[in-house]
């Protein structure tokens, strides 16, 4: 579930976790704490809002679909980075000519 969402959107509700794992919502916090204690994930638990914010997840094997998804994300990141570089280059002309 964590690998399917964007890295910037890794806040998962207790309800979504309970549905996917087929457990009661009351047992989600214990499941998350066990995963954290085993070093499978790192993050924070917001018990009041019933949300888990995942910062890191233990890597797992990559099949072809995972590699395609990763390649797509890399292309998106490359496009964002290229846009940022072009913006800096365009604005640096003003700095050099001043």
PDB file of N, CA and C in Angstrom:
ATOM      1  N   UNK A   1       0.830  -1.187   0.000  1.00  0.00           N
ATOM      2  CA  UNK A   1       0.000   0.000   0.000  1.00  0.00           C
ATOM      3  C   UNK A   1       0.874   1.251   0.000  1.00  0.00           C
ATOM      4  N   UNK A   2       1.951   1.237   0.746  1.00  0.00           N
ATOM      5  CA  UNK A   2       2.831   2.403   0.835  1.00  0.00           C
ATOM      6  C   UNK A   2       3.523   2.659  -0.498  1.00  0.00           C
ATOM      7  N   UNK A   3       3.891   1.589  -1.212  1.00  0.00           N
ATOM      8  CA  UNK A   3       4.587   1.751  -2.479  1.00  0.00           C
ATOM      9  C   UNK A   3       3.664   2.253  -3.584  1.00  0.00           C
ATOM     10  N   UNK A   4       2.367   2.115  -3.407  1.00  0.00           N
ATOM     11  CA  UNK A   4       1.424   2.528  -4.444  1.00  0.00           C
ATOM     12  C   UNK A   4       1.116   4.023  -4.403  1.00  0.00           C
ATOM     13  N   UNK A   5       1.381   4.686  -3.279  1.00  0.00           N
ATOM     14  CA  UNK A   5       1.090   6.118  -3.182  1.00  0.00           C
ATOM     15  C   UNK A   5       2.357   6.920  -3.437  1.00  0.00           C
ATOM     16  N   UNK A   6       2.183   8.155  -3.824  1.00  0.00           N
ATOM     17  CA  UNK A   6       3.301   9.053  -4.081  1.00  0.00           C
ATOM     18  C   UNK A   6       4.052   9.322  -2.779  1.00  0.00           C
ATOM     19  N   UNK A   7       5.329   9.561  -2.861  1.00  0.00           N
ATOM     20  CA  UNK A   7       6.132   9.779  -1.652  1.00  0.00           C
ATOM     21  C   UNK A   7       5.638  10.980  -0.846  1.00  0.00           C
ATOM     22  N   UNK A   8       5.129  11.983  -1.531  1.00  0.00           N
ATOM     23  CA  UNK A   8       4.634  13.177  -0.850  1.00  0.00           C
ATOM     24  C   UNK A   8       3.269  12.964  -0.216  1.00  0.00           C
ATOM     25  N   UNK A   9       2.642  11.839  -0.493  1.00  0.00           N
ATOM     26  CA  UNK A   9       1.289  11.561   0.004  1.00  0.00           C
ATOM     27  C   UNK A   9       1.254  10.317   0.874  1.00  0.00           C
ATOM     28  N   UNK A  10       2.240  10.119   1.688  1.00  0.00           N
ATOM     29  CA  UNK A  10       2.310   8.903   2.494  1.00  0.00           C
ATOM     30  C   UNK A  10       1.655   9.061   3.853  1.00  0.00           C
ATOM     31  N   UNK A  11       0.488   9.655   3.878  1.00  0.00           N
ATOM     32  CA  UNK A  11      -0.325   9.712   5.087  1.00  0.00           C
ATOM     33  C   UNK A  11      -1.495   8.768   4.874  1.00  0.00           C
ATOM     34  N   UNK A  12      -1.549   7.724   5.680  1.00  0.00           N
ATOM     35  CA  UNK A  12      -2.555   6.689   5.502  1.00  0.00           C
ATOM     36  C   UNK A  12      -3.505   6.680   6.687  1.00  0.00           C
ATOM     37  N   UNK A  13      -4.792   6.638   6.404  1.00  0.00           N
ATOM     38  CA  UNK A  13      -5.788   6.630   7.477  1.00  0.00           C
ATOM     39  C   UNK A  13      -5.900   5.236   8.086  1.00  0.00           C
ATOM     40  N   UNK A  14      -6.268   5.205   9.355  1.00  0.00           N
ATOM     41  CA  UNK A  14      -6.470   3.930  10.037  1.00  0.00           C
ATOM     42  C   UNK A  14      -7.538   3.124   9.302  1.00  0.00           C
ATOM     43  N   UNK A  15      -8.575   3.799   8.813  1.00  0.00           N
ATOM     44  CA  UNK A  15      -9.685   3.129   8.120  1.00  0.00           C
ATOM     45  C   UNK A  15      -9.190   2.409   6.870  1.00  0.00           C
ATOM     46  N   UNK A  16      -8.368   3.082   6.076  1.00  0.00           N
ATOM     47  CA  UNK A  16      -7.836   2.481   4.846  1.00  0.00           C
ATOM     48  C   UNK A  16      -6.950   1.286   5.160  1.00  0.00           C
ATOM     49  N   UNK A  17      -6.122   1.424   6.203  1.00  0.00           N
ATOM     50  CA  UNK A  17      -5.239   0.328   6.611  1.00  0.00           C
ATOM     51  C   UNK A  17      -6.056  -0.863   7.095  1.00  0.00           C
ATOM     52  N   UNK A  18      -7.095  -0.586   7.874  1.00  0.00           N
ATOM     53  CA  UNK A  18      -7.924  -1.679   8.399  1.00  0.00           C
ATOM     54  C   UNK A  18      -8.643  -2.418   7.275  1.00  0.00           C
ATOM     55  N   UNK A  19      -9.088  -1.691   6.265  1.00  0.00           N
ATOM     56  CA  UNK A  19      -9.769  -2.338   5.138  1.00  0.00           C
ATOM     57  C   UNK A  19      -8.807  -3.212   4.346  1.00  0.00           C
ATOM     58  N   UNK A  20      -7.621  -2.692   4.088  1.00  0.00           N
ATOM     59  CA  UNK A  20      -6.657  -3.433   3.288  1.00  0.00           C
ATOM     60  C   UNK A  20      -6.119  -4.657   4.033  1.00  0.00           C
ATOM     61  N   UNK A  21      -5.862  -4.493   5.329  1.00  0.00           N
ATOM     62  CA  UNK A  21      -5.301  -5.593   6.126  1.00  0.00           C
ATOM     63  C   UNK A  21      -6.375  -6.500   6.713  1.00  0.00           C
ATOM     64  N   UNK A  22      -7.638  -6.097   6.543  1.00  0.00           N
ATOM     65  CA  UNK A  22      -8.778  -6.875   7.047  1.00  0.00           C
ATOM     66  C   UNK A  22      -8.693  -7.098   8.555  1.00  0.00           C
ATOM     67  N   UNK A  23      -8.477  -5.974   9.269  1.00  0.00           N
ATOM     68  CA  UNK A  23      -8.469  -5.994  10.729  1.00  0.00           C
ATOM     69  C   UNK A  23      -9.371  -4.871  11.228  1.00  0.00           C
ATOM     70  N   UNK A  24      -9.684  -4.885  12.525  1.00  0.00           N
ATOM     71  CA  UNK A  24     -10.487  -3.817  13.110  1.00  0.00           C
ATOM     72  C   UNK A  24      -9.669  -2.539  13.189  1.00  0.00           C
ATOM     73  N   UNK A  25     -10.362  -1.410  13.137  1.00  0.00           N
ATOM     74  CA  UNK A  25      -9.693  -0.109  13.237  1.00  0.00           C
ATOM     75  C   UNK A  25      -8.957  -0.001  14.568  1.00  0.00           C
ATOM     76  N   UNK A  26      -9.501  -0.618  15.617  1.00  0.00           N
ATOM     77  CA  UNK A  26      -8.874  -0.571  16.937  1.00  0.00           C
ATOM     78  C   UNK A  26      -7.516  -1.287  16.958  1.00  0.00           C
ATOM     79  N   UNK A  27      -7.288  -2.213  16.039  1.00  0.00           N
ATOM     80  CA  UNK A  27      -6.039  -2.977  16.007  1.00  0.00           C
ATOM     81  C   UNK A  27      -4.973  -2.365  15.104  1.00  0.00           C
ATOM     82  N   UNK A  28      -5.326  -1.311  14.379  1.00  0.00           N
ATOM     83  CA  UNK A  28      -4.387  -0.712  13.418  1.00  0.00           C
ATOM     84  C   UNK A  28      -3.173  -0.120  14.127  1.00  0.00           C
ATOM     85  N   UNK A  29      -3.391   0.590  15.221  1.00  0.00           N
ATOM     86  CA  UNK A  29      -2.273   1.224  15.924  1.00  0.00           C
ATOM     87  C   UNK A  29      -1.262   0.177  16.382  1.00  0.00           C
ATOM     88  N   UNK A  30      -1.730  -0.938  16.925  1.00  0.00           N
ATOM     89  CA  UNK A  30      -0.835  -2.012  17.360  1.00  0.00           C
ATOM     90  C   UNK A  30      -0.058  -2.582  16.174  1.00  0.00           C
ATOM     91  N   UNK A  31      -0.729  -2.764  15.043  1.00  0.00           N
ATOM     92  CA  UNK A  31      -0.069  -3.268  13.837  1.00  0.00           C
ATOM     93  C   UNK A  31       1.039  -2.317  13.385  1.00  0.00           C
ATOM     94  N   UNK A  32       0.743  -1.018  13.381  1.00  0.00           N
ATOM     95  CA  UNK A  32       1.728  -0.026  12.964  1.00  0.00           C
ATOM     96  C   UNK A  32       2.911   0.013  13.941  1.00  0.00           C
ATOM     97  N   UNK A  33       2.616  -0.063  15.239  1.00  0.00           N
ATOM     98  CA  UNK A  33       3.703  -0.057  16.230  1.00  0.00           C
ATOM     99  C   UNK A  33       4.595  -1.283  16.069  1.00  0.00           C
ATOM    100  N   UNK A  34       4.005  -2.439  15.751  1.00  0.00           N
ATOM    101  CA  UNK A  34       4.810  -3.642  15.513  1.00  0.00           C
ATOM    102  C   UNK A  34       5.690  -3.469  14.285  1.00  0.00           C
ATOM    103  N   UNK A  35       5.117  -2.898  13.219  1.00  0.00           N
ATOM    104  CA  UNK A  35       5.890  -2.672  12.000  1.00  0.00           C
ATOM    105  C   UNK A  35       7.041  -1.714  12.263  1.00  0.00           C
ATOM    106  N   UNK A  36       6.798  -0.692  13.086  1.00  0.00           N
ATOM    107  CA  UNK A  36       7.858   0.266  13.423  1.00  0.00           C
ATOM    108  C   UNK A  36       8.930  -0.389  14.287  1.00  0.00           C
ATOM    109  N   UNK A  37       8.530  -1.218  15.239  1.00  0.00           N
ATOM    110  CA  UNK A  37       9.506  -1.857  16.127  1.00  0.00           C
ATOM    111  C   UNK A  37      10.368  -2.868  15.378  1.00  0.00           C
ATOM    112  N   UNK A  38       9.825  -3.466  14.314  1.00  0.00           N
ATOM    113  CA  UNK A  38      10.598  -4.412  13.505  1.00  0.00           C
ATOM    114  C   UNK A  38      11.452  -3.708  12.455  1.00  0.00           C
ATOM    115  N   UNK A  39      11.340  -2.388  12.371  1.00  0.00           N
ATOM    116  CA  UNK A  39      12.125  -1.628  11.409  1.00  0.00           C
ATOM    117  C   UNK A  39      11.596  -1.711   9.989  1.00  0.00           C
ATOM    118  N   UNK A  40      10.327  -2.094   9.832  1.00  0.00           N
ATOM    119  CA  UNK A  40       9.750  -2.185   8.497  1.00  0.00           C
ATOM    120  C   UNK A  40       9.362  -0.814   7.955  1.00  0.00           C
ATOM    121  N   UNK A  41       8.931   0.076   8.852  1.00  0.00           N
ATOM    122  CA  UNK A  41       8.575   1.440   8.462  1.00  0.00           C
ATOM    123  C   UNK A  41       9.070   2.406   9.525  1.00  0.00           C
ATOM    124  N   UNK A  42       9.194   3.669   9.142  1.00  0.00           N
ATOM    125  CA  UNK A  42       9.498   4.752  10.079  1.00  0.00           C
ATOM    126  C   UNK A  42       8.488   5.852   9.814  1.00  0.00           C
ATOM    127  N   UNK A  43       8.059   6.489  10.871  1.00  0.00           N
ATOM    128  CA  UNK A  43       7.094   7.565  10.717  1.00  0.00           C
ATOM    129  C   UNK A  43       6.484   7.933  12.049  1.00  0.00           C
ATOM    130  N   UNK A  44       5.309   8.551  11.973  1.00  0.00           N
ATOM    131  CA  UNK A  44       4.608   8.972  13.182  1.00  0.00           C
ATOM    132  C   UNK A  44       3.153   8.533  13.103  1.00  0.00           C
ATOM    133  N   UNK A  45       2.592   8.326  14.284  1.00  0.00           N
ATOM    134  CA  UNK A  45       1.186   7.946  14.398  1.00  0.00           C
ATOM    135  C   UNK A  45       0.446   9.105  15.036  1.00  0.00           C
ATOM    136  N   UNK A  46      -0.586   9.595  14.375  1.00  0.00           N
ATOM    137  CA  UNK A  46      -1.465  10.625  14.921  1.00  0.00           C
ATOM    138  C   UNK A  46      -2.744   9.916  15.352  1.00  0.00           C
ATOM    139  N   UNK A  47      -2.779   9.548  16.630  1.00  0.00           N
ATOM    140  CA  UNK A  47      -3.899   8.750  17.133  1.00  0.00           C
ATOM    141  C   UNK A  47      -5.196   9.550  17.148  1.00  0.00           C
ATOM    142  N   UNK A  48      -5.113  10.854  17.386  1.00  0.00           N
ATOM    143  CA  UNK A  48      -6.313  11.685  17.438  1.00  0.00           C
ATOM    144  C   UNK A  48      -6.978  11.739  16.057  1.00  0.00           C
ATOM    145  N   UNK A  49      -6.174  12.020  15.023  1.00  0.00           N
ATOM    146  CA  UNK A  49      -6.709  12.104  13.658  1.00  0.00           C
ATOM    147  C   UNK A  49      -6.812  10.721  13.003  1.00  0.00           C
ATOM    148  N   UNK A  50      -6.270   9.702  13.656  1.00  0.00           N
ATOM    149  CA  UNK A  50      -6.227   8.329  13.160  1.00  0.00           C
ATOM    150  C   UNK A  50      -5.570   8.264  11.781  1.00  0.00           C
ATOM    151  N   UNK A  51      -4.336   8.798  11.743  1.00  0.00           N
ATOM    152  CA  UNK A  51      -3.554   8.829  10.513  1.00  0.00           C
ATOM    153  C   UNK A  51      -2.125   8.407  10.833  1.00  0.00           C
ATOM    154  N   UNK A  52      -1.519   7.681   9.919  1.00  0.00           N
ATOM    155  CA  UNK A  52      -0.112   7.295  10.029  1.00  0.00           C
ATOM    156  C   UNK A  52       0.648   8.036   8.935  1.00  0.00           C
ATOM    157  N   UNK A  53       1.704   8.744   9.324  1.00  0.00           N
ATOM    158  CA  UNK A  53       2.560   9.449   8.371  1.00  0.00           C
ATOM    159  C   UNK A  53       3.838   8.617   8.225  1.00  0.00           C
ATOM    160  N   UNK A  54       4.034   8.005   7.064  1.00  0.00           N
ATOM    161  CA  UNK A  54       5.173   7.120   6.832  1.00  0.00           C
ATOM    162  C   UNK A  54       6.286   7.908   6.150  1.00  0.00           C
ATOM    163  N   UNK A  55       7.458   7.946   6.786  1.00  0.00           N
ATOM    164  CA  UNK A  55       8.626   8.647   6.241  1.00  0.00           C
ATOM    165  C   UNK A  55       9.522   7.715   5.430  1.00  0.00           C
ATOM    166  N   UNK A  56       9.568   6.454   5.814  1.00  0.00           N
ATOM    167  CA  UNK A  56      10.477   5.506   5.189  1.00  0.00           C
ATOM    168  C   UNK A  56       9.869   4.123   5.278  1.00  0.00           C
ATOM    169  N   UNK A  57      10.116   3.308   4.276  1.00  0.00           N
ATOM    170  CA  UNK A  57       9.632   1.935   4.262  1.00  0.00           C
ATOM    171  C   UNK A  57      10.768   1.032   3.801  1.00  0.00           C
ATOM    172  N   UNK A  58      10.895  -0.111   4.427  1.00  0.00           N
ATOM    173  CA  UNK A  58      11.931  -1.065   4.055  1.00  0.00           C
ATOM    174  C   UNK A  58      11.745  -1.462   2.597  1.00  0.00           C
ATOM    175  N   UNK A  59      12.781  -1.337   1.793  1.00  0.00           N
ATOM    176  CA  UNK A  59      12.655  -1.716   0.380  1.00  0.00           C
ATOM    177  C   UNK A  59      12.332  -3.193   0.234  1.00  0.00           C
ATOM    178  N   UNK A  60      11.677  -3.532  -0.847  1.00  0.00           N
ATOM    179  CA  UNK A  60      11.363  -4.928  -1.115  1.00  0.00           C
ATOM    180  C   UNK A  60      11.742  -5.248  -2.552  1.00  0.00           C
ATOM    181  N   UNK A  61      11.450  -6.446  -2.970  1.00  0.00           N
ATOM    182  CA  UNK A  61      11.819  -6.837  -4.331  1.00  0.00           C
ATOM    183  C   UNK A  61      11.053  -5.986  -5.343  1.00  0.00           C
ATOM    184  N   UNK A  62      11.632  -5.818  -6.494  1.00  0.00           N
ATOM    185  CA  UNK A  62      11.006  -5.030  -7.546  1.00  0.00           C
ATOM    186  C   UNK A  62      10.692  -5.942  -8.732  1.00  0.00           C
ATOM    187  N   UNK A  63       9.416  -5.998  -9.072  1.00  0.00           N
ATOM    188  CA  UNK A  63       9.057  -6.724 -10.283  1.00  0.00           C
ATOM    189  C   UNK A  63       8.939  -5.724 -11.437  1.00  0.00           C
ATOM    190  N   UNK A  64       8.529  -6.187 -12.589  1.00  0.00           N
ATOM    191  CA  UNK A  64       8.502  -5.324 -13.776  1.00  0.00           C
ATOM    192  C   UNK A  64       7.586  -4.120 -13.586  1.00  0.00           C
ATOM    193  N   UNK A  65       6.419  -4.307 -12.985  1.00  0.00           N
ATOM    194  CA  UNK A  65       5.499  -3.178 -12.798  1.00  0.00           C
ATOM    195  C   UNK A  65       6.069  -2.148 -11.829  1.00  0.00           C
ATOM    196  N   UNK A  66       6.788  -2.608 -10.794  1.00  0.00           N
ATOM    197  CA  UNK A  66       7.431  -1.678  -9.865  1.00  0.00           C
ATOM    198  C   UNK A  66       8.508  -0.862 -10.575  1.00  0.00           C
ATOM    199  N   UNK A  67       9.280  -1.531 -11.432  1.00  0.00           N
ATOM    200  CA  UNK A  67      10.329  -0.834 -12.169  1.00  0.00           C
ATOM    201  C   UNK A  67       9.742   0.188 -13.143  1.00  0.00           C
ATOM    202  N   UNK A  68       8.624  -0.160 -13.790  1.00  0.00           N
ATOM    203  CA  UNK A  68       7.965   0.782 -14.696  1.00  0.00           C
ATOM    204  C   UNK A  68       7.451   1.991 -13.929  1.00  0.00           C
ATOM    205  N   UNK A  69       6.872   1.762 -12.758  1.00  0.00           N
ATOM    206  CA  UNK A  69       6.383   2.854 -11.924  1.00  0.00           C
ATOM    207  C   UNK A  69       7.547   3.744 -11.481  1.00  0.00           C
ATOM    208  N   UNK A  70       8.651   3.120 -11.073  1.00  0.00           N
ATOM    209  CA  UNK A  70       9.819   3.881 -10.645  1.00  0.00           C
ATOM    210  C   UNK A  70      10.383   4.702 -11.811  1.00  0.00           C
ATOM    211  N   UNK A  71      10.409   4.129 -13.001  1.00  0.00           N
ATOM    212  CA  UNK A  71      10.906   4.851 -14.174  1.00  0.00           C
ATOM    213  C   UNK A  71      10.009   6.040 -14.487  1.00  0.00           C
ATOM    214  N   UNK A  72       8.708   5.859 -14.344  1.00  0.00           N
ATOM    215  CA  UNK A  72       7.767   6.961 -14.572  1.00  0.00           C
ATOM    216  C   UNK A  72       7.995   8.089 -13.572  1.00  0.00           C
ATOM    217  N   UNK A  73       8.191   7.732 -12.319  1.00  0.00           N
ATOM    218  CA  UNK A  73       8.446   8.744 -11.286  1.00  0.00           C
ATOM    219  C   UNK A  73       9.770   9.459 -11.535  1.00  0.00           C
ATOM    220  N   UNK A  74      10.770   8.725 -12.030  1.00  0.00           N
ATOM    221  CA  UNK A  74      12.058   9.346 -12.341  1.00  0.00           C
ATOM    222  C   UNK A  74      11.927  10.329 -13.498  1.00  0.00           C
ATOM    223  N   UNK A  75      11.108   9.982 -14.511  1.00  0.00           N
ATOM    224  CA  UNK A  75      10.892  10.903 -15.634  1.00  0.00           C
ATOM    225  C   UNK A  75      10.179  12.164 -15.160  1.00  0.00           C
ATOM    226  N   UNK A  76       9.207  12.013 -14.280  1.00  0.00           N
ATOM    227  CA  UNK A  76       8.500  13.170 -13.728  1.00  0.00           C
ATOM    228  C   UNK A  76       9.460  14.035 -12.934  1.00  0.00           C
ATOM    229  N   UNK A  77      10.290  13.414 -12.099  1.00  0.00           N
ATOM    230  CA  UNK A  77      11.269  14.156 -11.302  1.00  0.00           C
ATOM    231  C   UNK A  77      12.260  14.877 -12.210  1.00  0.00           C
ATOM    232  N   UNK A  78      12.685  14.206 -13.293  1.00  0.00           N
ATOM    233  CA  UNK A  78      13.620  14.812 -14.231  1.00  0.00           C
ATOM    234  C   UNK A  78      13.004  16.048 -14.892  1.00  0.00           C
ATOM    235  N   UNK A  79      11.726  15.964 -15.241  1.00  0.00           N
ATOM    236  CA  UNK A  79      11.045  17.108 -15.863  1.00  0.00           C
ATOM    237  C   UNK A  79      10.937  18.279 -14.886  1.00  0.00           C
ATOM    238  N   UNK A  80      10.623  17.989 -13.625  1.00  0.00           N
ATOM    239  CA  UNK A  80      10.548  19.048 -12.611  1.00  0.00           C
ATOM    240  C   UNK A  80      11.915  19.697 -12.407  1.00  0.00           C
ATOM    241  N   UNK A  81      12.947  18.879 -12.343  1.00  0.00           N
ATOM    242  CA  UNK A  81      14.298  19.377 -12.149  1.00  0.00           C
ATOM    243  C   UNK A  81      14.748  20.212 -13.346  1.00  0.00           C
ATOM    244  N   UNK A  82      14.419  19.758 -14.545  1.00  0.00           N
ATOM    245  CA  UNK A  82      14.764  20.510 -15.753  1.00  0.00           C
ATOM    246  C   UNK A  82      14.073  21.870 -15.751  1.00  0.00           C
ATOM    247  N   UNK A  83      12.807  21.913 -15.325  1.00  0.00           N
ATOM    248  CA  UNK A  83      12.087  23.183 -15.228  1.00  0.00           C
ATOM    249  C   UNK A  83      12.728  24.125 -14.223  1.00  0.00           C
ATOM    250  N   UNK A  84      13.160  23.584 -13.105  1.00  0.00           N
ATOM    251  CA  UNK A  84      13.807  24.418 -12.092  1.00  0.00           C
ATOM    252  C   UNK A  84      15.142  24.960 -12.607  1.00  0.00           C
ATOM    253  N   UNK A  85      15.900  24.124 -13.319  1.00  0.00           N
ATOM    254  CA  UNK A  85      17.185  24.561 -13.869  1.00  0.00           C
ATOM    255  C   UNK A  85      16.971  25.664 -14.902  1.00  0.00           C
ATOM    256  N   UNK A  86      15.993  25.492 -15.764  1.00  0.00           N
ATOM    257  CA  UNK A  86      15.704  26.512 -16.786  1.00  0.00           C
ATOM    258  C   UNK A  86      15.283  27.831 -16.144  1.00  0.00           C
ATOM    259  N   UNK A  87      14.494  27.760 -15.072  1.00  0.00           N
ATOM    260  CA  UNK A  87      14.059  28.967 -14.383  1.00  0.00           C
ATOM    261  C   UNK A  87      15.262  29.711 -13.798  1.00  0.00           C
ATOM    262  N   UNK A  88      16.171  28.970 -13.162  1.00  0.00           N
ATOM    263  CA  UNK A  88      17.371  29.587 -12.580  1.00  0.00           C
ATOM    264  C   UNK A  88      18.244  30.178 -13.679  1.00  0.00           C
ATOM    265  N   UNK A  89      18.413  29.435 -14.781  1.00  0.00           N
ATOM    266  CA  UNK A  89      19.217  29.950 -15.889  1.00  0.00           C
ATOM    267  C   UNK A  89      18.611  31.224 -16.465  1.00  0.00           C
ATOM    268  N   UNK A  90      17.307  31.270 -16.645  1.00  0.00           N
ATOM    269  CA  UNK A  90      16.641  32.445 -17.214  1.00  0.00           C
ATOM    270  C   UNK A  90      16.767  33.643 -16.289  1.00  0.00           C
ATOM    271  N   UNK A  91      16.699  33.431 -15.002  1.00  0.00           N
ATOM    272  CA  UNK A  91      16.801  34.516 -14.053  1.00  0.00           C
ATOM    273  C   UNK A  91      18.242  34.934 -13.804  1.00  0.00           C
ATOM    274  N   UNK A  92      19.178  34.039 -14.040  1.00  0.00           N
ATOM    275  CA  UNK A  92      20.580  34.379 -13.812  1.00  0.00           C
ATOM    276  C   UNK A  92      21.106  35.340 -14.863  1.00  0.00           C
ATOM    277  N   UNK A  93      20.503  35.389 -16.022  1.00  0.00           N
ATOM    278  CA  UNK A  93      20.905  36.338 -17.065  1.00  0.00           C
ATOM    279  C   UNK A  93      20.743  37.764 -16.533  1.00  0.00           C
ATOM    280  N   UNK A  94      19.655  37.993 -15.832  1.00  0.00           N
ATOM    281  CA  UNK A  94      19.413  39.323 -15.238  1.00  0.00           C
ATOM    282  C   UNK A  94      20.472  39.653 -14.205  1.00  0.00           C
ATOM    283  N   UNK A  95      20.915  38.685 -13.445  1.00  0.00           N
ATOM    284  CA  UNK A  95      21.929  38.912 -12.416  1.00  0.00           C
ATOM    285  C   UNK A  95      23.290  39.219 -13.035  1.00  0.00           C
ATOM    286  N   UNK A  96      23.641  38.519 -14.104  1.00  0.00           N
ATOM    287  CA  UNK A  96      24.937  38.708 -14.745  1.00  0.00           C
ATOM    288  C   UNK A  96      24.996  40.051 -15.476  1.00  0.00           C
ATOM    289  N   UNK A  97      23.914  40.459 -16.104  1.00  0.00           N
ATOM    290  CA  UNK A  97      23.887  41.699 -16.863  1.00  0.00           C
ATOM    291  C   UNK A  97      23.761  42.937 -15.986  1.00  0.00           C
ATOM    292  N   UNK A  98      23.445  42.778 -14.738  1.00  0.00           N
ATOM    293  CA  UNK A  98      23.261  43.953 -13.853  1.00  0.00           C
ATOM    294  C   UNK A  98      24.538  44.582 -13.453  1.00  0.00           C
TER     295      UNK A  98
END
